[in-house]
Amino acid sequence: MTEALTAAADALVIFGISGDLARKMTFPALYGLEAAGRLDCPIIGVAKDDWSAAHLVGSIRDALKVAGQRVEEKVFDRLAARFTYLQGDFDDSDTYDELARRLKGRPRPLFYLEILDAAVDTEQGGLTAKATVMSEKPFNHDLPSAWVLNNGPHQVLSEDQILRIDHF
């Protein structure tokens, strides 16, 4: 087993942070982890949308309200302080260069792919050596797409660096 799964992640990078999955599932889950004292790393949200960090924090607050979450301000403030936002195209090497700069000194990130396509290439910034990649995708459309989602990451990752969630 590699260090990717035996050591705690030292950063969480969420590709697709501006999407529906983040609003409905990820933000409430991260709030719950923060409230329980279980979150202990910075979070970098990456998306194509032209957002500011303040817009992202507002989106998190709105998502919690829609979810019916009772929000304690001290908990929310701690969670919000963990977030930064990186606007970038997933096909652009500049996005990964900037991400690598932001992750400097954090060699064990968890990359959470909350996007429809599998176009994230964390290898571009040399970011995968000790990383874990979690992919949340529907794996049941057809055999060829399931094969790509299942086997594609092996080009740059070992099996124990990959976590898969079959998105209902």
N, C-alpha and C. Protein backbone atom coordinates (compact mmCIF):
# COMPACT_ATOMS: atom_id res chain seq x y z
N MET A 1 0.84 -1.17 0.00
CA MET A 1 0.00 0.00 0.00
C MET A 1 0.89 1.24 0.00
N THR A 2 0.57 2.20 -0.88
CA THR A 2 1.39 3.39 -0.97
C THR A 2 1.07 4.37 0.15
N GLU A 3 1.95 5.35 0.26
CA GLU A 3 1.76 6.39 1.26
C GLU A 3 0.47 7.17 1.01
N ALA A 4 -0.02 7.17 -0.24
CA ALA A 4 -1.23 7.93 -0.57
C ALA A 4 -2.40 7.53 0.33
N LEU A 5 -2.52 6.25 0.64
CA LEU A 5 -3.64 5.81 1.46
C LEU A 5 -3.31 5.62 2.93
N THR A 6 -2.04 5.59 3.28
CA THR A 6 -1.69 5.38 4.67
C THR A 6 -1.44 6.68 5.43
N ALA A 7 -1.22 7.77 4.72
CA ALA A 7 -1.01 9.06 5.36
C ALA A 7 -2.20 9.97 5.06
N ALA A 8 -2.50 10.84 5.98
CA ALA A 8 -3.62 11.76 5.79
C ALA A 8 -3.32 12.73 4.67
N ALA A 9 -4.36 13.10 3.95
CA ALA A 9 -4.21 14.13 2.92
C ALA A 9 -3.85 15.45 3.59
N ASP A 10 -2.99 16.22 2.94
CA ASP A 10 -2.61 17.51 3.50
C ASP A 10 -3.26 18.68 2.76
N ALA A 11 -4.11 18.37 1.78
CA ALA A 11 -4.92 19.37 1.08
C ALA A 11 -6.03 18.63 0.35
N LEU A 12 -7.14 19.31 0.18
CA LEU A 12 -8.26 18.78 -0.60
C LEU A 12 -8.47 19.70 -1.78
N VAL A 13 -8.41 19.13 -2.98
CA VAL A 13 -8.62 19.90 -4.20
C VAL A 13 -9.89 19.36 -4.85
N ILE A 14 -10.88 20.22 -5.02
CA ILE A 14 -12.16 19.79 -5.58
C ILE A 14 -12.31 20.40 -6.97
N PHE A 15 -12.20 19.54 -7.99
CA PHE A 15 -12.44 19.97 -9.36
C PHE A 15 -13.94 19.96 -9.61
N GLY A 16 -14.48 21.08 -10.06
CA GLY A 16 -15.92 21.19 -10.28
C GLY A 16 -16.64 21.77 -9.07
N ILE A 17 -15.96 22.58 -8.30
CA ILE A 17 -16.49 23.12 -7.04
C ILE A 17 -17.74 23.98 -7.25
N SER A 18 -17.94 24.47 -8.45
CA SER A 18 -19.10 25.33 -8.69
C SER A 18 -20.33 24.55 -9.15
N GLY A 19 -20.23 23.24 -9.18
CA GLY A 19 -21.31 22.43 -9.73
C GLY A 19 -22.36 21.99 -8.74
N ASP A 20 -23.33 21.28 -9.29
CA ASP A 20 -24.49 20.79 -8.56
C ASP A 20 -24.11 19.81 -7.45
N LEU A 21 -23.19 18.91 -7.72
CA LEU A 21 -22.78 17.93 -6.72
C LEU A 21 -22.18 18.61 -5.49
N ALA A 22 -21.36 19.62 -5.71
CA ALA A 22 -20.78 20.35 -4.58
C ALA A 22 -21.87 21.00 -3.75
N ARG A 23 -22.81 21.66 -4.42
CA ARG A 23 -23.88 22.35 -3.69
C ARG A 23 -24.76 21.38 -2.90
N LYS A 24 -25.12 20.28 -3.52
CA LYS A 24 -26.07 19.37 -2.88
C LYS A 24 -25.44 18.42 -1.86
N MET A 25 -24.21 18.00 -2.11
CA MET A 25 -23.63 16.95 -1.27
C MET A 25 -22.33 17.38 -0.57
N THR A 26 -21.42 17.96 -1.31
CA THR A 26 -20.08 18.20 -0.76
C THR A 26 -20.07 19.29 0.30
N PHE A 27 -20.70 20.42 0.04
CA PHE A 27 -20.68 21.50 1.02
C PHE A 27 -21.31 21.08 2.34
N PRO A 28 -22.49 20.45 2.34
CA PRO A 28 -23.03 20.00 3.62
C PRO A 28 -22.13 18.97 4.32
N ALA A 29 -21.52 18.09 3.55
CA ALA A 29 -20.63 17.09 4.15
C ALA A 29 -19.39 17.74 4.75
N LEU A 30 -18.82 18.70 4.06
CA LEU A 30 -17.65 19.39 4.60
C LEU A 30 -18.01 20.20 5.84
N TYR A 31 -19.18 20.81 5.85
CA TYR A 31 -19.62 21.53 7.05
C TYR A 31 -19.73 20.55 8.22
N GLY A 32 -20.31 19.39 7.97
CA GLY A 32 -20.43 18.38 9.03
C GLY A 32 -19.08 17.93 9.55
N LEU A 33 -18.12 17.75 8.65
CA LEU A 33 -16.76 17.37 9.08
C LEU A 33 -16.12 18.48 9.91
N GLU A 34 -16.31 19.72 9.49
CA GLU A 34 -15.76 20.85 10.24
C GLU A 34 -16.40 20.93 11.62
N ALA A 35 -17.71 20.77 11.69
CA ALA A 35 -18.42 20.83 12.97
C ALA A 35 -17.95 19.73 13.91
N ALA A 36 -17.60 18.57 13.37
CA ALA A 36 -17.15 17.44 14.18
C ALA A 36 -15.65 17.51 14.49
N GLY A 37 -14.97 18.54 13.99
CA GLY A 37 -13.54 18.66 14.22
C GLY A 37 -12.71 17.67 13.43
N ARG A 38 -13.24 17.19 12.32
CA ARG A 38 -12.56 16.16 11.53
C ARG A 38 -11.88 16.69 10.28
N LEU A 39 -11.97 17.97 10.03
CA LEU A 39 -11.38 18.57 8.83
C LEU A 39 -10.13 19.31 9.25
N ASP A 40 -9.02 18.98 8.61
CA ASP A 40 -7.76 19.55 9.06
C ASP A 40 -6.83 19.86 7.89
N CYS A 41 -7.37 20.48 6.84
CA CYS A 41 -6.51 20.81 5.71
C CYS A 41 -7.15 21.95 4.91
N PRO A 42 -6.33 22.63 4.12
CA PRO A 42 -6.89 23.64 3.23
C PRO A 42 -7.66 22.97 2.09
N ILE A 43 -8.60 23.72 1.52
CA ILE A 43 -9.41 23.23 0.42
C ILE A 43 -9.28 24.21 -0.74
N ILE A 44 -8.92 23.69 -1.89
CA ILE A 44 -8.82 24.51 -3.10
C ILE A 44 -9.93 24.06 -4.04
N GLY A 45 -10.83 24.96 -4.35
CA GLY A 45 -11.88 24.68 -5.31
C GLY A 45 -11.43 25.13 -6.68
N VAL A 46 -11.58 24.24 -7.67
CA VAL A 46 -11.17 24.55 -9.03
C VAL A 46 -12.38 24.42 -9.94
N ALA A 47 -12.61 25.44 -10.75
CA ALA A 47 -13.70 25.40 -11.71
C ALA A 47 -13.44 26.43 -12.81
N LYS A 48 -14.21 26.32 -13.86
CA LYS A 48 -14.07 27.24 -15.00
C LYS A 48 -14.78 28.57 -14.75
N ASP A 49 -15.73 28.59 -13.84
CA ASP A 49 -16.53 29.79 -13.60
C ASP A 49 -15.70 30.94 -13.08
N ASP A 50 -16.07 32.14 -13.49
CA ASP A 50 -15.37 33.36 -13.08
C ASP A 50 -15.90 33.80 -11.72
N TRP A 51 -15.47 33.12 -10.68
CA TRP A 51 -15.89 33.39 -9.32
C TRP A 51 -14.73 33.99 -8.53
N SER A 52 -15.07 34.66 -7.47
CA SER A 52 -14.09 35.09 -6.47
C SER A 52 -14.19 34.12 -5.30
N ALA A 53 -13.23 34.22 -4.39
CA ALA A 53 -13.31 33.40 -3.18
C ALA A 53 -14.56 33.76 -2.38
N ALA A 54 -14.91 35.04 -2.37
CA ALA A 54 -16.11 35.48 -1.64
C ALA A 54 -17.37 34.89 -2.27
N HIS A 55 -17.40 34.79 -3.59
CA HIS A 55 -18.56 34.18 -4.25
C HIS A 55 -18.66 32.70 -3.87
N LEU A 56 -17.53 32.02 -3.81
CA LEU A 56 -17.53 30.62 -3.41
C LEU A 56 -18.08 30.47 -1.99
N VAL A 57 -17.61 31.28 -1.08
CA VAL A 57 -18.08 31.20 0.31
C VAL A 57 -19.58 31.49 0.38
N GLY A 58 -20.05 32.45 -0.40
CA GLY A 58 -21.48 32.73 -0.45
C GLY A 58 -22.27 31.55 -1.00
N SER A 59 -21.71 30.87 -1.98
CA SER A 59 -22.35 29.68 -2.55
C SER A 59 -22.43 28.56 -1.52
N ILE A 60 -21.39 28.42 -0.72
CA ILE A 60 -21.40 27.41 0.34
C ILE A 60 -22.50 27.72 1.34
N ARG A 61 -22.58 28.97 1.77
CA ARG A 61 -23.61 29.37 2.73
C ARG A 61 -25.01 29.13 2.16
N ASP A 62 -25.22 29.52 0.91
CA ASP A 62 -26.52 29.31 0.26
C ASP A 62 -26.87 27.83 0.19
N ALA A 63 -25.89 27.00 -0.15
CA ALA A 63 -26.12 25.56 -0.26
C ALA A 63 -26.51 24.96 1.09
N LEU A 64 -25.89 25.42 2.15
CA LEU A 64 -26.23 24.92 3.49
C LEU A 64 -27.65 25.33 3.87
N LYS A 65 -28.01 26.55 3.50
CA LYS A 65 -29.36 27.03 3.79
C LYS A 65 -30.40 26.18 3.03
N VAL A 66 -30.16 25.93 1.75
CA VAL A 66 -31.07 25.12 0.94
C VAL A 66 -31.17 23.70 1.50
N ALA A 67 -30.06 23.18 2.02
CA ALA A 67 -30.04 21.83 2.59
C ALA A 67 -30.73 21.77 3.95
N GLY A 68 -31.12 22.91 4.49
CA GLY A 68 -31.77 22.94 5.79
C GLY A 68 -30.80 22.79 6.95
N GLN A 69 -29.53 23.03 6.69
CA GLN A 69 -28.48 22.90 7.70
C GLN A 69 -28.53 24.07 8.67
N ARG A 70 -28.59 23.79 9.95
CA ARG A 70 -28.45 24.84 10.96
C ARG A 70 -26.97 25.22 11.00
N VAL A 71 -26.68 26.47 10.73
CA VAL A 71 -25.29 26.92 10.60
C VAL A 71 -24.86 27.67 11.85
N GLU A 72 -23.82 27.16 12.48
CA GLU A 72 -23.16 27.86 13.58
C GLU A 72 -22.07 28.73 12.97
N GLU A 73 -22.10 30.00 13.26
CA GLU A 73 -21.19 30.95 12.60
C GLU A 73 -19.71 30.62 12.83
N LYS A 74 -19.35 30.20 14.04
CA LYS A 74 -17.94 29.87 14.30
C LYS A 74 -17.49 28.70 13.44
N VAL A 75 -18.33 27.69 13.30
CA VAL A 75 -18.01 26.53 12.46
C VAL A 75 -17.92 26.97 11.01
N PHE A 76 -18.90 27.75 10.56
CA PHE A 76 -18.89 28.20 9.17
C PHE A 76 -17.65 29.04 8.88
N ASP A 77 -17.29 29.92 9.79
CA ASP A 77 -16.12 30.76 9.59
C ASP A 77 -14.84 29.93 9.47
N ARG A 78 -14.72 28.89 10.28
CA ARG A 78 -13.55 28.00 10.19
C ARG A 78 -13.53 27.30 8.83
N LEU A 79 -14.70 26.80 8.41
CA LEU A 79 -14.79 26.12 7.11
C LEU A 79 -14.46 27.10 5.99
N ALA A 80 -15.06 28.27 6.00
CA ALA A 80 -14.83 29.26 4.94
C ALA A 80 -13.36 29.64 4.85
N ALA A 81 -12.67 29.71 5.99
CA ALA A 81 -11.26 30.08 6.00
C ALA A 81 -10.38 29.03 5.34
N ARG A 82 -10.86 27.81 5.21
CA ARG A 82 -10.09 26.75 4.57
C ARG A 82 -10.07 26.88 3.04
N PHE A 83 -11.08 27.57 2.49
CA PHE A 83 -11.28 27.59 1.05
C PHE A 83 -10.50 28.67 0.33
N THR A 84 -9.94 28.30 -0.81
CA THR A 84 -9.49 29.25 -1.81
C THR A 84 -10.09 28.77 -3.13
N TYR A 85 -10.09 29.65 -4.11
CA TYR A 85 -10.69 29.32 -5.39
C TYR A 85 -9.68 29.54 -6.50
N LEU A 86 -9.65 28.60 -7.43
CA LEU A 86 -8.78 28.71 -8.60
C LEU A 86 -9.66 28.58 -9.84
N GLN A 87 -9.77 29.67 -10.58
CA GLN A 87 -10.48 29.61 -11.85
C GLN A 87 -9.51 29.09 -12.89
N GLY A 88 -9.95 28.08 -13.63
CA GLY A 88 -9.08 27.56 -14.67
C GLY A 88 -9.77 26.53 -15.53
N ASP A 89 -9.23 26.37 -16.70
CA ASP A 89 -9.72 25.38 -17.64
C ASP A 89 -8.97 24.08 -17.37
N PHE A 90 -9.69 22.98 -17.32
CA PHE A 90 -9.09 21.68 -17.00
C PHE A 90 -8.16 21.18 -18.11
N ASP A 91 -8.22 21.79 -19.27
CA ASP A 91 -7.35 21.42 -20.39
C ASP A 91 -6.13 22.33 -20.51
N ASP A 92 -5.99 23.29 -19.62
CA ASP A 92 -4.94 24.29 -19.71
C ASP A 92 -3.83 24.01 -18.70
N SER A 93 -2.62 23.86 -19.19
CA SER A 93 -1.50 23.55 -18.30
C SER A 93 -1.26 24.66 -17.28
N ASP A 94 -1.64 25.90 -17.60
CA ASP A 94 -1.48 26.99 -16.63
C ASP A 94 -2.29 26.74 -15.35
N THR A 95 -3.45 26.09 -15.50
CA THR A 95 -4.27 25.76 -14.33
C THR A 95 -3.50 24.85 -13.39
N TYR A 96 -2.85 23.85 -13.94
CA TYR A 96 -2.11 22.89 -13.12
C TYR A 96 -0.82 23.49 -12.57
N ASP A 97 -0.20 24.38 -13.32
CA ASP A 97 0.98 25.07 -12.81
C ASP A 97 0.61 25.91 -11.59
N GLU A 98 -0.51 26.62 -11.67
CA GLU A 98 -0.96 27.43 -10.54
C GLU A 98 -1.36 26.54 -9.37
N LEU A 99 -2.01 25.43 -9.66
CA LEU A 99 -2.38 24.50 -8.60
C LEU A 99 -1.13 23.95 -7.91
N ALA A 100 -0.12 23.60 -8.69
CA ALA A 100 1.14 23.11 -8.11
C ALA A 100 1.77 24.18 -7.22
N ARG A 101 1.70 25.43 -7.65
CA ARG A 101 2.25 26.52 -6.83
C ARG A 101 1.51 26.62 -5.50
N ARG A 102 0.18 26.51 -5.56
CA ARG A 102 -0.62 26.60 -4.34
C ARG A 102 -0.43 25.40 -3.42
N LEU A 103 -0.08 24.26 -3.99
CA LEU A 103 0.11 23.05 -3.20
C LEU A 103 1.56 22.87 -2.72
N LYS A 104 2.41 23.81 -3.03
CA LYS A 104 3.82 23.68 -2.64
C LYS A 104 3.93 23.40 -1.15
N GLY A 105 4.67 22.36 -0.81
CA GLY A 105 4.83 21.96 0.59
C GLY A 105 3.72 21.04 1.07
N ARG A 106 2.82 20.67 0.20
CA ARG A 106 1.72 19.75 0.52
C ARG A 106 1.75 18.62 -0.50
N PRO A 107 2.57 17.60 -0.26
CA PRO A 107 2.76 16.55 -1.26
C PRO A 107 1.67 15.48 -1.32
N ARG A 108 0.72 15.48 -0.38
CA ARG A 108 -0.28 14.40 -0.34
C ARG A 108 -1.71 14.94 -0.50
N PRO A 109 -1.98 15.61 -1.61
CA PRO A 109 -3.35 16.12 -1.79
C PRO A 109 -4.33 15.00 -2.13
N LEU A 110 -5.58 15.26 -1.81
CA LEU A 110 -6.68 14.43 -2.29
C LEU A 110 -7.37 15.23 -3.37
N PHE A 111 -7.36 14.71 -4.59
CA PHE A 111 -8.06 15.35 -5.70
C PHE A 111 -9.42 14.71 -5.83
N TYR A 112 -10.46 15.51 -5.69
CA TYR A 112 -11.83 15.03 -5.77
C TYR A 112 -12.41 15.53 -7.09
N LEU A 113 -12.72 14.62 -8.00
CA LEU A 113 -13.21 14.97 -9.32
C LEU A 113 -14.73 14.95 -9.33
N GLU A 114 -15.31 16.13 -9.30
CA GLU A 114 -16.77 16.28 -9.32
C GLU A 114 -17.20 16.88 -10.65
N ILE A 115 -16.65 16.38 -11.71
CA ILE A 115 -16.94 16.93 -13.03
C ILE A 115 -17.45 15.82 -13.94
N LEU A 116 -18.16 16.22 -14.98
CA LEU A 116 -18.75 15.24 -15.88
C LEU A 116 -17.73 14.50 -16.71
N ASP A 117 -16.74 15.21 -17.19
CA ASP A 117 -15.75 14.54 -18.04
C ASP A 117 -14.54 14.12 -17.22
N ALA A 118 -13.72 13.32 -17.79
CA ALA A 118 -12.52 12.84 -17.09
C ALA A 118 -11.30 13.62 -17.56
N ALA A 119 -11.47 14.91 -17.85
CA ALA A 119 -10.42 15.71 -18.48
C ALA A 119 -9.47 16.35 -17.48
N VAL A 120 -9.42 15.90 -16.27
CA VAL A 120 -8.49 16.46 -15.30
C VAL A 120 -7.17 15.71 -15.44
N ASP A 121 -6.10 16.46 -15.57
CA ASP A 121 -4.78 15.86 -15.77
C ASP A 121 -3.82 16.36 -14.71
N THR A 122 -3.94 15.85 -13.50
CA THR A 122 -3.10 16.31 -12.40
C THR A 122 -1.64 15.95 -12.62
N GLU A 123 -1.34 15.10 -13.57
CA GLU A 123 0.04 14.76 -13.88
C GLU A 123 0.77 15.96 -14.48
N GLN A 124 0.03 16.87 -15.11
CA GLN A 124 0.65 18.04 -15.75
C GLN A 124 1.51 18.83 -14.79
N GLY A 125 1.07 19.01 -13.59
CA GLY A 125 1.84 19.78 -12.62
C GLY A 125 2.73 18.90 -11.76
N GLY A 126 2.88 17.63 -12.12
CA GLY A 126 3.67 16.70 -11.31
C GLY A 126 3.04 16.50 -9.95
N LEU A 127 1.72 16.45 -9.91
CA LEU A 127 0.99 16.49 -8.65
C LEU A 127 0.58 15.13 -8.11
N THR A 128 0.88 14.04 -8.81
CA THR A 128 0.29 12.76 -8.43
C THR A 128 1.20 11.80 -7.67
N ALA A 129 2.44 12.13 -7.45
CA ALA A 129 3.37 11.17 -6.84
C ALA A 129 2.84 10.55 -5.55
N LYS A 130 2.34 11.38 -4.64
CA LYS A 130 1.83 10.89 -3.36
C LYS A 130 0.35 11.21 -3.18
N ALA A 131 -0.30 11.58 -4.26
CA ALA A 131 -1.69 12.00 -4.21
C ALA A 131 -2.66 10.83 -4.23
N THR A 132 -3.88 11.12 -3.81
CA THR A 132 -5.00 10.21 -3.97
C THR A 132 -6.01 10.93 -4.85
N VAL A 133 -6.61 10.19 -5.77
CA VAL A 133 -7.61 10.77 -6.66
C VAL A 133 -8.93 10.05 -6.43
N MET A 134 -9.95 10.83 -6.08
CA MET A 134 -11.28 10.28 -5.88
C MET A 134 -12.15 10.76 -7.04
N SER A 135 -12.75 9.80 -7.72
CA SER A 135 -13.57 10.11 -8.88
C SER A 135 -15.01 9.73 -8.59
N GLU A 136 -15.88 10.71 -8.69
CA GLU A 136 -17.31 10.44 -8.49
C GLU A 136 -17.98 10.56 -9.85
N LYS A 137 -18.30 9.42 -10.42
CA LYS A 137 -18.85 9.36 -11.77
C LYS A 137 -19.95 8.31 -11.83
N PRO A 138 -20.86 8.47 -12.78
CA PRO A 138 -21.75 7.34 -13.07
C PRO A 138 -20.95 6.31 -13.89
N PHE A 139 -20.87 5.11 -13.42
CA PHE A 139 -20.10 4.08 -14.11
C PHE A 139 -20.99 3.14 -14.91
N ASN A 140 -22.27 3.44 -15.05
CA ASN A 140 -23.18 2.46 -15.63
C ASN A 140 -23.77 2.84 -16.98
N HIS A 141 -23.21 3.80 -17.70
CA HIS A 141 -23.78 4.17 -18.99
C HIS A 141 -23.56 3.10 -20.05
N ASP A 142 -22.33 2.68 -20.21
CA ASP A 142 -22.01 1.62 -21.16
C ASP A 142 -20.62 1.08 -20.81
N LEU A 143 -20.30 -0.07 -21.36
CA LEU A 143 -19.04 -0.72 -21.03
C LEU A 143 -17.82 0.10 -21.46
N PRO A 144 -17.78 0.67 -22.67
CA PRO A 144 -16.58 1.43 -23.04
C PRO A 144 -16.31 2.62 -22.12
N SER A 145 -17.36 3.38 -21.75
CA SER A 145 -17.11 4.53 -20.87
C SER A 145 -16.71 4.07 -19.47
N ALA A 146 -17.31 2.99 -19.00
CA ALA A 146 -16.93 2.45 -17.69
C ALA A 146 -15.48 1.98 -17.71
N TRP A 147 -15.06 1.39 -18.81
CA TRP A 147 -13.67 0.92 -18.93
C TRP A 147 -12.71 2.09 -18.86
N VAL A 148 -13.02 3.18 -19.57
CA VAL A 148 -12.15 4.36 -19.55
C VAL A 148 -12.07 4.94 -18.14
N LEU A 149 -13.22 5.07 -17.48
CA LEU A 149 -13.22 5.63 -16.13
C LEU A 149 -12.47 4.74 -15.14
N ASN A 150 -12.58 3.44 -15.33
CA ASN A 150 -11.93 2.51 -14.42
C ASN A 150 -10.43 2.37 -14.68
N ASN A 151 -10.04 2.32 -15.93
CA ASN A 151 -8.65 2.02 -16.27
C ASN A 151 -7.81 3.22 -16.69
N GLY A 152 -8.44 4.30 -17.12
CA GLY A 152 -7.70 5.48 -17.56
C GLY A 152 -6.73 6.02 -16.53
N PRO A 153 -7.14 6.13 -15.27
CA PRO A 153 -6.22 6.68 -14.26
C PRO A 153 -4.94 5.86 -14.05
N HIS A 154 -4.94 4.60 -14.45
CA HIS A 154 -3.75 3.78 -14.25
C HIS A 154 -2.56 4.24 -15.07
N GLN A 155 -2.78 5.14 -16.01
CA GLN A 155 -1.66 5.67 -16.78
C GLN A 155 -0.71 6.47 -15.91
N VAL A 156 -1.23 7.08 -14.83
CA VAL A 156 -0.37 7.90 -13.97
C VAL A 156 -0.47 7.57 -12.49
N LEU A 157 -1.41 6.68 -12.11
CA LEU A 157 -1.63 6.36 -10.70
C LEU A 157 -1.59 4.86 -10.48
N SER A 158 -1.18 4.47 -9.29
CA SER A 158 -1.30 3.06 -8.92
C SER A 158 -2.72 2.83 -8.40
N GLU A 159 -3.16 1.60 -8.39
CA GLU A 159 -4.53 1.29 -7.99
C GLU A 159 -4.85 1.80 -6.59
N ASP A 160 -3.90 1.72 -5.67
CA ASP A 160 -4.22 2.16 -4.31
C ASP A 160 -4.18 3.68 -4.14
N GLN A 161 -3.97 4.43 -5.22
CA GLN A 161 -4.11 5.88 -5.18
C GLN A 161 -5.49 6.32 -5.69
N ILE A 162 -6.30 5.39 -6.14
CA ILE A 162 -7.57 5.70 -6.79
C ILE A 162 -8.75 5.30 -5.91
N LEU A 163 -9.65 6.22 -5.70
CA LEU A 163 -10.90 5.94 -5.00
C LEU A 163 -12.03 6.23 -6.00
N ARG A 164 -12.98 5.31 -6.10
CA ARG A 164 -14.08 5.48 -7.05
C ARG A 164 -15.40 5.50 -6.30
N ILE A 165 -16.25 6.43 -6.69
CA ILE A 165 -17.62 6.49 -6.17
C ILE A 165 -18.53 6.42 -7.38
N ASP A 166 -19.40 5.42 -7.40
CA ASP A 166 -20.38 5.31 -8.48
C ASP A 166 -21.50 6.28 -8.16
N HIS A 167 -21.52 7.36 -8.88
CA HIS A 167 -22.51 8.42 -8.64
C HIS A 167 -23.89 7.92 -9.03
N PHE A 168 -24.71 7.79 -8.03
CA PHE A 168 -26.06 7.28 -8.22
C PHE A 168 -26.71 8.00 -9.36
